[in-house]
N, C-alpha and C. Protein backbone atom coordinates (compact mmCIF):
# COMPACT_ATOMS: atom_id res chain seq x y z
N MET A 1 20.03 -22.62 -34.09
CA MET A 1 20.72 -21.46 -34.65
C MET A 1 21.76 -20.96 -33.64
N ILE A 2 22.92 -20.64 -34.13
CA ILE A 2 24.01 -20.17 -33.30
C ILE A 2 23.89 -18.64 -33.16
N LYS A 3 23.93 -18.16 -31.93
CA LYS A 3 23.81 -16.72 -31.68
C LYS A 3 25.10 -15.99 -32.07
N GLU A 4 24.95 -14.76 -32.51
CA GLU A 4 26.10 -13.93 -32.87
C GLU A 4 27.05 -13.74 -31.69
N SER A 5 26.49 -13.69 -30.48
CA SER A 5 27.35 -13.52 -29.30
C SER A 5 28.29 -14.71 -29.13
N LEU A 6 27.82 -15.92 -29.43
CA LEU A 6 28.69 -17.10 -29.35
C LEU A 6 29.75 -17.05 -30.45
N LEU A 7 29.35 -16.66 -31.65
CA LEU A 7 30.33 -16.53 -32.74
C LEU A 7 31.41 -15.53 -32.37
N ALA A 8 31.01 -14.39 -31.84
CA ALA A 8 31.99 -13.36 -31.46
C ALA A 8 32.90 -13.87 -30.35
N PHE A 9 32.34 -14.60 -29.39
CA PHE A 9 33.13 -15.15 -28.28
C PHE A 9 34.21 -16.09 -28.82
N ILE A 10 33.82 -17.01 -29.70
CA ILE A 10 34.77 -18.00 -30.22
C ILE A 10 35.77 -17.36 -31.19
N ILE A 11 35.31 -16.45 -32.02
CA ILE A 11 36.23 -15.76 -32.92
C ILE A 11 37.30 -15.03 -32.11
N GLY A 12 36.89 -14.42 -31.00
CA GLY A 12 37.84 -13.73 -30.14
C GLY A 12 38.85 -14.68 -29.51
N LEU A 13 38.42 -15.91 -29.24
CA LEU A 13 39.33 -16.90 -28.65
C LEU A 13 40.23 -17.54 -29.70
N GLU A 14 39.68 -17.82 -30.87
CA GLU A 14 40.41 -18.54 -31.91
C GLU A 14 41.34 -17.65 -32.73
N GLY A 15 40.87 -16.45 -33.06
CA GLY A 15 41.61 -15.65 -34.01
C GLY A 15 41.44 -16.23 -35.41
N PHE A 16 41.97 -15.57 -36.41
CA PHE A 16 41.81 -16.00 -37.79
C PHE A 16 43.16 -16.29 -38.43
N SER A 17 43.21 -17.40 -39.14
CA SER A 17 44.38 -17.74 -39.94
C SER A 17 43.89 -18.21 -41.30
N SER A 18 44.22 -17.47 -42.33
CA SER A 18 43.71 -17.83 -43.66
C SER A 18 44.34 -19.13 -44.18
N CYS A 19 45.59 -19.36 -43.85
CA CYS A 19 46.27 -20.56 -44.35
C CYS A 19 46.45 -21.60 -43.25
N ALA A 20 46.52 -22.84 -43.67
CA ALA A 20 46.60 -23.97 -42.74
C ALA A 20 47.85 -23.91 -41.87
N TYR A 21 47.68 -24.39 -40.64
CA TYR A 21 48.79 -24.47 -39.69
C TYR A 21 48.66 -25.78 -38.92
N PRO A 22 49.77 -26.34 -38.43
CA PRO A 22 49.69 -27.58 -37.64
C PRO A 22 48.95 -27.32 -36.33
N ASP A 23 48.00 -28.19 -36.02
CA ASP A 23 47.16 -28.00 -34.83
C ASP A 23 46.92 -29.36 -34.17
N VAL A 24 47.75 -29.73 -33.24
CA VAL A 24 47.71 -30.99 -32.49
C VAL A 24 47.72 -32.18 -33.45
N SER A 25 46.56 -32.66 -33.88
CA SER A 25 46.52 -33.88 -34.70
C SER A 25 46.05 -33.62 -36.13
N GLN A 26 45.98 -32.36 -36.53
CA GLN A 26 45.49 -32.03 -37.87
C GLN A 26 46.03 -30.68 -38.29
N TYR A 27 45.75 -30.30 -39.51
CA TYR A 27 46.00 -28.94 -39.97
C TYR A 27 44.68 -28.18 -39.86
N SER A 28 44.74 -26.98 -39.34
CA SER A 28 43.54 -26.15 -39.18
C SER A 28 43.76 -24.82 -39.88
N ASN A 29 42.66 -24.13 -40.17
CA ASN A 29 42.73 -22.76 -40.69
C ASN A 29 41.44 -22.05 -40.33
N GLY A 30 41.28 -20.84 -40.84
CA GLY A 30 40.07 -20.08 -40.53
C GLY A 30 40.02 -19.76 -39.05
N TYR A 31 38.90 -20.14 -38.43
CA TYR A 31 38.71 -19.93 -37.00
C TYR A 31 38.85 -21.25 -36.25
N GLY A 32 39.85 -22.04 -36.64
CA GLY A 32 40.14 -23.29 -35.93
C GLY A 32 39.47 -24.53 -36.47
N THR A 33 38.96 -24.49 -37.69
CA THR A 33 38.36 -25.68 -38.28
C THR A 33 39.40 -26.45 -39.08
N LYS A 34 39.10 -27.71 -39.33
CA LYS A 34 40.04 -28.58 -40.04
C LYS A 34 40.23 -28.12 -41.48
N ALA A 35 41.47 -27.97 -41.87
CA ALA A 35 41.81 -27.61 -43.25
C ALA A 35 41.74 -28.87 -44.12
N SER A 36 41.45 -28.68 -45.39
CA SER A 36 41.37 -29.83 -46.30
C SER A 36 42.77 -30.34 -46.68
N SER A 37 43.78 -29.48 -46.53
CA SER A 37 45.17 -29.89 -46.77
C SER A 37 46.09 -28.93 -46.03
N LYS A 38 47.36 -29.28 -45.94
CA LYS A 38 48.29 -28.38 -45.24
C LYS A 38 48.62 -27.14 -46.06
N TRP A 39 48.14 -27.09 -47.30
CA TRP A 39 48.40 -25.93 -48.16
C TRP A 39 47.17 -25.05 -48.34
N GLU A 40 46.05 -25.46 -47.77
CA GLU A 40 44.80 -24.73 -48.02
C GLU A 40 44.79 -23.34 -47.36
N CYS A 41 44.31 -22.36 -48.11
CA CYS A 41 44.05 -21.01 -47.59
C CYS A 41 42.59 -20.67 -47.90
N ILE A 42 41.93 -20.02 -46.94
CA ILE A 42 40.52 -19.69 -47.12
C ILE A 42 40.26 -18.23 -46.72
N THR A 43 39.09 -17.73 -47.13
CA THR A 43 38.67 -16.36 -46.79
C THR A 43 37.96 -16.36 -45.44
N LYS A 44 37.77 -15.18 -44.89
CA LYS A 44 37.02 -15.05 -43.63
C LYS A 44 35.57 -15.51 -43.82
N THR A 45 35.00 -15.28 -44.98
CA THR A 45 33.62 -15.71 -45.25
C THR A 45 33.53 -17.23 -45.20
N GLU A 46 34.45 -17.90 -45.86
CA GLU A 46 34.47 -19.37 -45.85
C GLU A 46 34.75 -19.88 -44.44
N ALA A 47 35.65 -19.22 -43.73
CA ALA A 47 35.99 -19.63 -42.36
C ALA A 47 34.78 -19.54 -41.45
N LYS A 48 34.02 -18.46 -41.56
CA LYS A 48 32.83 -18.30 -40.71
C LYS A 48 31.79 -19.35 -41.06
N SER A 49 31.62 -19.63 -42.34
CA SER A 49 30.67 -20.65 -42.77
C SER A 49 31.02 -22.01 -42.19
N ARG A 50 32.30 -22.38 -42.25
CA ARG A 50 32.75 -23.66 -41.69
C ARG A 50 32.56 -23.70 -40.18
N MET A 51 32.87 -22.58 -39.54
CA MET A 51 32.74 -22.51 -38.09
C MET A 51 31.28 -22.68 -37.68
N VAL A 52 30.38 -21.99 -38.33
CA VAL A 52 28.95 -22.09 -38.00
C VAL A 52 28.45 -23.51 -38.17
N LYS A 53 28.84 -24.16 -39.25
CA LYS A 53 28.43 -25.55 -39.48
C LYS A 53 28.93 -26.46 -38.35
N HIS A 54 30.18 -26.28 -37.97
CA HIS A 54 30.77 -27.09 -36.90
C HIS A 54 30.07 -26.79 -35.57
N LEU A 55 29.81 -25.52 -35.29
CA LEU A 55 29.15 -25.13 -34.04
C LEU A 55 27.73 -25.65 -33.95
N GLU A 56 27.03 -25.70 -35.07
CA GLU A 56 25.67 -26.24 -35.07
C GLU A 56 25.68 -27.71 -34.65
N GLU A 57 26.65 -28.46 -35.12
CA GLU A 57 26.78 -29.86 -34.73
C GLU A 57 27.15 -29.98 -33.25
N ASP A 58 28.08 -29.14 -32.80
CA ASP A 58 28.45 -29.16 -31.39
C ASP A 58 27.28 -28.77 -30.50
N SER A 59 26.49 -27.81 -30.95
CA SER A 59 25.32 -27.38 -30.19
C SER A 59 24.31 -28.52 -30.04
N LYS A 60 24.05 -29.23 -31.11
CA LYS A 60 23.14 -30.39 -31.06
C LYS A 60 23.66 -31.43 -30.07
N TYR A 61 24.97 -31.64 -30.09
CA TYR A 61 25.57 -32.62 -29.20
C TYR A 61 25.41 -32.20 -27.74
N VAL A 62 25.72 -30.94 -27.44
CA VAL A 62 25.58 -30.44 -26.07
C VAL A 62 24.13 -30.57 -25.61
N LEU A 63 23.19 -30.18 -26.46
CA LEU A 63 21.78 -30.24 -26.09
C LEU A 63 21.29 -31.69 -25.93
N SER A 64 21.90 -32.62 -26.63
CA SER A 64 21.50 -34.02 -26.47
C SER A 64 21.90 -34.55 -25.09
N LEU A 65 22.97 -34.00 -24.53
CA LEU A 65 23.44 -34.43 -23.21
C LEU A 65 22.89 -33.55 -22.08
N HIS A 66 22.56 -32.31 -22.40
CA HIS A 66 22.08 -31.35 -21.38
C HIS A 66 20.98 -30.47 -22.01
N PRO A 67 19.79 -31.05 -22.19
CA PRO A 67 18.72 -30.30 -22.86
C PRO A 67 18.21 -29.09 -22.07
N ASN A 68 18.48 -29.02 -20.79
CA ASN A 68 18.00 -27.91 -19.96
C ASN A 68 19.09 -26.88 -19.68
N ALA A 69 20.12 -26.86 -20.47
CA ALA A 69 21.22 -25.91 -20.28
C ALA A 69 20.71 -24.47 -20.41
N THR A 70 21.22 -23.60 -19.54
CA THR A 70 20.95 -22.18 -19.73
C THR A 70 21.73 -21.72 -20.96
N GLN A 71 21.45 -20.52 -21.43
CA GLN A 71 22.16 -20.02 -22.61
C GLN A 71 23.65 -19.92 -22.36
N ASN A 72 24.04 -19.43 -21.17
CA ASN A 72 25.47 -19.29 -20.87
C ASN A 72 26.14 -20.66 -20.74
N GLU A 73 25.47 -21.61 -20.09
CA GLU A 73 26.03 -22.97 -20.01
C GLU A 73 26.21 -23.54 -21.41
N HIS A 74 25.17 -23.41 -22.22
CA HIS A 74 25.21 -23.92 -23.60
C HIS A 74 26.39 -23.33 -24.36
N ASP A 75 26.51 -22.01 -24.32
CA ASP A 75 27.55 -21.34 -25.10
C ASP A 75 28.95 -21.73 -24.62
N ALA A 76 29.14 -21.79 -23.31
CA ALA A 76 30.45 -22.18 -22.77
C ALA A 76 30.79 -23.61 -23.16
N LEU A 77 29.82 -24.50 -23.07
CA LEU A 77 30.05 -25.91 -23.40
C LEU A 77 30.26 -26.12 -24.89
N VAL A 78 29.54 -25.38 -25.72
CA VAL A 78 29.74 -25.47 -27.17
C VAL A 78 31.15 -24.98 -27.53
N SER A 79 31.58 -23.89 -26.92
CA SER A 79 32.93 -23.39 -27.17
C SER A 79 33.97 -24.43 -26.75
N PHE A 80 33.75 -25.03 -25.60
CA PHE A 80 34.68 -26.06 -25.11
C PHE A 80 34.71 -27.26 -26.05
N CYS A 81 33.54 -27.70 -26.50
CA CYS A 81 33.48 -28.84 -27.45
C CYS A 81 34.14 -28.48 -28.77
N TYR A 82 33.93 -27.27 -29.24
CA TYR A 82 34.53 -26.82 -30.49
C TYR A 82 36.04 -26.93 -30.42
N ASN A 83 36.59 -26.61 -29.26
CA ASN A 83 38.04 -26.61 -29.10
C ASN A 83 38.61 -27.98 -28.75
N SER A 84 37.91 -28.74 -27.93
CA SER A 84 38.48 -30.01 -27.45
C SER A 84 37.90 -31.24 -28.14
N GLY A 85 36.90 -31.05 -28.98
CA GLY A 85 36.27 -32.18 -29.66
C GLY A 85 35.13 -32.75 -28.81
N ARG A 86 34.19 -33.39 -29.47
CA ARG A 86 33.03 -33.92 -28.75
C ARG A 86 33.42 -35.01 -27.76
N ALA A 87 34.37 -35.86 -28.12
CA ALA A 87 34.81 -36.89 -27.18
C ALA A 87 35.48 -36.25 -25.96
N GLY A 88 36.15 -35.13 -26.18
CA GLY A 88 36.84 -34.45 -25.09
C GLY A 88 35.95 -33.62 -24.19
N CYS A 89 34.72 -33.36 -24.62
CA CYS A 89 33.85 -32.51 -23.81
C CYS A 89 32.70 -33.27 -23.15
N THR A 90 32.51 -34.53 -23.48
CA THR A 90 31.37 -35.29 -22.98
C THR A 90 31.27 -35.29 -21.46
N LYS A 91 32.35 -35.60 -20.80
CA LYS A 91 32.34 -35.66 -19.33
C LYS A 91 31.95 -34.31 -18.74
N THR A 92 32.47 -33.24 -19.29
CA THR A 92 32.19 -31.91 -18.79
C THR A 92 30.72 -31.56 -18.95
N VAL A 93 30.16 -31.84 -20.11
CA VAL A 93 28.75 -31.55 -20.35
C VAL A 93 27.88 -32.33 -19.37
N LYS A 94 28.20 -33.59 -19.16
CA LYS A 94 27.42 -34.42 -18.23
C LYS A 94 27.52 -33.89 -16.81
N LEU A 95 28.70 -33.43 -16.41
CA LEU A 95 28.86 -32.87 -15.06
C LEU A 95 28.00 -31.62 -14.88
N VAL A 96 27.98 -30.76 -15.88
CA VAL A 96 27.16 -29.55 -15.79
C VAL A 96 25.68 -29.94 -15.74
N ALA A 97 25.29 -30.91 -16.52
CA ALA A 97 23.89 -31.37 -16.51
C ALA A 97 23.50 -31.90 -15.12
N GLN A 98 24.46 -32.44 -14.39
CA GLN A 98 24.21 -32.97 -13.04
C GLN A 98 24.32 -31.87 -11.98
N GLY A 99 24.60 -30.64 -12.40
CA GLY A 99 24.72 -29.54 -11.46
C GLY A 99 26.08 -29.44 -10.80
N LYS A 100 27.07 -30.10 -11.35
CA LYS A 100 28.41 -30.13 -10.76
C LYS A 100 29.36 -29.22 -11.55
N LYS A 101 29.06 -27.93 -11.53
CA LYS A 101 29.85 -26.98 -12.31
C LYS A 101 31.30 -26.87 -11.82
N ASP A 102 31.51 -26.98 -10.51
CA ASP A 102 32.88 -26.91 -9.99
C ASP A 102 33.73 -28.06 -10.53
N SER A 103 33.15 -29.26 -10.55
CA SER A 103 33.86 -30.42 -11.09
C SER A 103 34.09 -30.25 -12.59
N ALA A 104 33.08 -29.73 -13.28
CA ALA A 104 33.21 -29.51 -14.72
C ALA A 104 34.33 -28.51 -15.01
N ALA A 105 34.40 -27.45 -14.21
CA ALA A 105 35.46 -26.44 -14.39
C ALA A 105 36.83 -27.07 -14.18
N TRP A 106 36.95 -27.94 -13.20
CA TRP A 106 38.23 -28.61 -12.95
C TRP A 106 38.63 -29.45 -14.17
N VAL A 107 37.68 -30.19 -14.73
CA VAL A 107 37.95 -31.02 -15.91
C VAL A 107 38.36 -30.13 -17.08
N MET A 108 37.67 -29.02 -17.25
CA MET A 108 38.00 -28.11 -18.35
C MET A 108 39.43 -27.59 -18.23
N LYS A 109 39.84 -27.27 -17.02
CA LYS A 109 41.21 -26.76 -16.80
C LYS A 109 42.27 -27.80 -17.16
N GLN A 110 41.91 -29.07 -17.09
CA GLN A 110 42.86 -30.14 -17.41
C GLN A 110 43.08 -30.27 -18.92
N LYS A 111 42.19 -29.70 -19.71
CA LYS A 111 42.27 -29.81 -21.17
C LYS A 111 43.15 -28.71 -21.76
N ILE A 112 44.37 -28.67 -21.30
CA ILE A 112 45.38 -27.75 -21.84
C ILE A 112 46.58 -28.60 -22.20
N ASN A 113 46.94 -28.59 -23.46
CA ASN A 113 48.06 -29.40 -23.94
C ASN A 113 49.36 -28.78 -23.47
N LYS A 114 49.95 -29.37 -22.46
CA LYS A 114 51.17 -28.85 -21.85
C LYS A 114 52.32 -28.83 -22.86
N GLY A 115 53.07 -27.75 -22.82
CA GLY A 115 54.26 -27.66 -23.66
C GLY A 115 54.02 -27.09 -25.04
N LEU A 116 52.78 -26.91 -25.43
CA LEU A 116 52.52 -26.32 -26.75
C LEU A 116 52.73 -24.81 -26.69
N ALA A 117 53.05 -24.26 -27.83
CA ALA A 117 53.23 -22.81 -27.90
C ALA A 117 51.95 -22.08 -27.51
N SER A 118 50.81 -22.72 -27.73
CA SER A 118 49.52 -22.08 -27.44
C SER A 118 49.03 -22.35 -26.03
N GLU A 119 49.88 -22.90 -25.15
CA GLU A 119 49.44 -23.25 -23.80
C GLU A 119 48.84 -22.06 -23.06
N SER A 120 49.47 -20.90 -23.10
CA SER A 120 48.94 -19.73 -22.39
C SER A 120 47.62 -19.27 -23.01
N GLY A 121 47.49 -19.41 -24.32
CA GLY A 121 46.23 -19.09 -24.99
C GLY A 121 45.12 -20.02 -24.55
N LEU A 122 45.45 -21.31 -24.37
CA LEU A 122 44.44 -22.26 -23.90
C LEU A 122 44.04 -21.98 -22.46
N LYS A 123 44.99 -21.55 -21.64
CA LYS A 123 44.65 -21.17 -20.25
C LYS A 123 43.66 -20.02 -20.26
N LYS A 124 43.93 -19.01 -21.08
CA LYS A 124 43.03 -17.86 -21.16
C LYS A 124 41.67 -18.28 -21.68
N ARG A 125 41.66 -19.18 -22.64
CA ARG A 125 40.40 -19.67 -23.19
C ARG A 125 39.59 -20.39 -22.13
N ARG A 126 40.23 -21.28 -21.37
CA ARG A 126 39.51 -22.01 -20.32
C ARG A 126 38.97 -21.07 -19.26
N ILE A 127 39.75 -20.07 -18.90
CA ILE A 127 39.27 -19.08 -17.93
C ILE A 127 38.02 -18.39 -18.45
N ALA A 128 38.02 -18.00 -19.73
CA ALA A 128 36.87 -17.33 -20.34
C ALA A 128 35.66 -18.28 -20.42
N GLU A 129 35.90 -19.52 -20.81
CA GLU A 129 34.80 -20.49 -20.90
C GLU A 129 34.20 -20.78 -19.53
N ILE A 130 35.03 -20.93 -18.52
CA ILE A 130 34.55 -21.21 -17.16
C ILE A 130 33.79 -20.00 -16.62
N ALA A 131 34.28 -18.80 -16.90
CA ALA A 131 33.56 -17.59 -16.46
C ALA A 131 32.18 -17.53 -17.10
N LEU A 132 32.09 -17.85 -18.39
CA LEU A 132 30.80 -17.86 -19.07
C LEU A 132 29.90 -18.96 -18.52
N LEU A 133 30.46 -20.12 -18.26
CA LEU A 133 29.70 -21.23 -17.69
C LEU A 133 29.06 -20.83 -16.37
N ASN A 134 29.78 -20.09 -15.55
CA ASN A 134 29.30 -19.71 -14.22
C ASN A 134 28.54 -18.39 -14.19
N LYS A 135 28.48 -17.70 -15.33
CA LYS A 135 27.80 -16.41 -15.38
C LYS A 135 26.29 -16.62 -15.28
N GLU A 136 25.67 -15.83 -14.44
CA GLU A 136 24.21 -15.93 -14.26
C GLU A 136 23.52 -15.45 -15.53
N ASP A 137 22.51 -16.19 -15.96
CA ASP A 137 21.72 -15.76 -17.11
C ASP A 137 20.80 -14.63 -16.67
N GLN A 138 20.82 -13.54 -17.41
CA GLN A 138 19.99 -12.39 -17.07
C GLN A 138 18.50 -12.72 -17.11
N ARG A 139 18.10 -13.61 -18.00
CA ARG A 139 16.70 -13.99 -18.12
C ARG A 139 16.18 -14.51 -16.79
N LYS A 140 16.94 -15.36 -16.12
CA LYS A 140 16.54 -15.89 -14.82
C LYS A 140 16.42 -14.77 -13.80
N LYS A 141 17.35 -13.85 -13.82
CA LYS A 141 17.36 -12.75 -12.87
C LYS A 141 16.08 -11.93 -13.00
N TYR A 142 15.71 -11.60 -14.21
CA TYR A 142 14.52 -10.78 -14.42
C TYR A 142 13.24 -11.53 -14.06
N ILE A 143 13.18 -12.80 -14.35
CA ILE A 143 12.01 -13.60 -13.99
C ILE A 143 11.87 -13.62 -12.47
N TYR A 144 12.97 -13.81 -11.76
CA TYR A 144 12.94 -13.84 -10.30
C TYR A 144 12.48 -12.49 -9.74
N GLN A 145 13.03 -11.41 -10.28
CA GLN A 145 12.68 -10.08 -9.79
C GLN A 145 11.22 -9.75 -10.07
N GLU A 146 10.71 -10.22 -11.19
CA GLU A 146 9.34 -9.93 -11.56
C GLU A 146 8.35 -10.54 -10.57
N TYR A 147 8.65 -11.71 -10.03
CA TYR A 147 7.73 -12.41 -9.15
C TYR A 147 8.09 -12.36 -7.68
N SER A 148 9.11 -11.60 -7.33
CA SER A 148 9.50 -11.56 -5.93
C SER A 148 8.70 -10.55 -5.14
């Protein structure tokens, strides 16, 4: 199940477009999901439904490569996969699973399509995803404090 906090995080990064727009190699609409045609327009309800379905698949993929991910690692990696595709996020997920977050962050920063109108938006997105990836999970903090 996808947490509301992850949905809010990605919605904030993606924004909403009811009608299809050109998006790298496809037409997208809603919250960045593939449109069925370049003329398709959808509602926010349909957009959220499509996004949740896509995120559930991305979540399964991330967990298959990094089953011990913390919640913040999981959410950051799912957001990254949602935006860059599963083939584009595999290396990053594996690096995080190996404990190499600095290397993973470097790879994530490279996934910005230079020259696109959305380049600055992608930079902001990567900064947000990397910050979430490196954010300490509160659950761990409380467990440590409880037994210290």
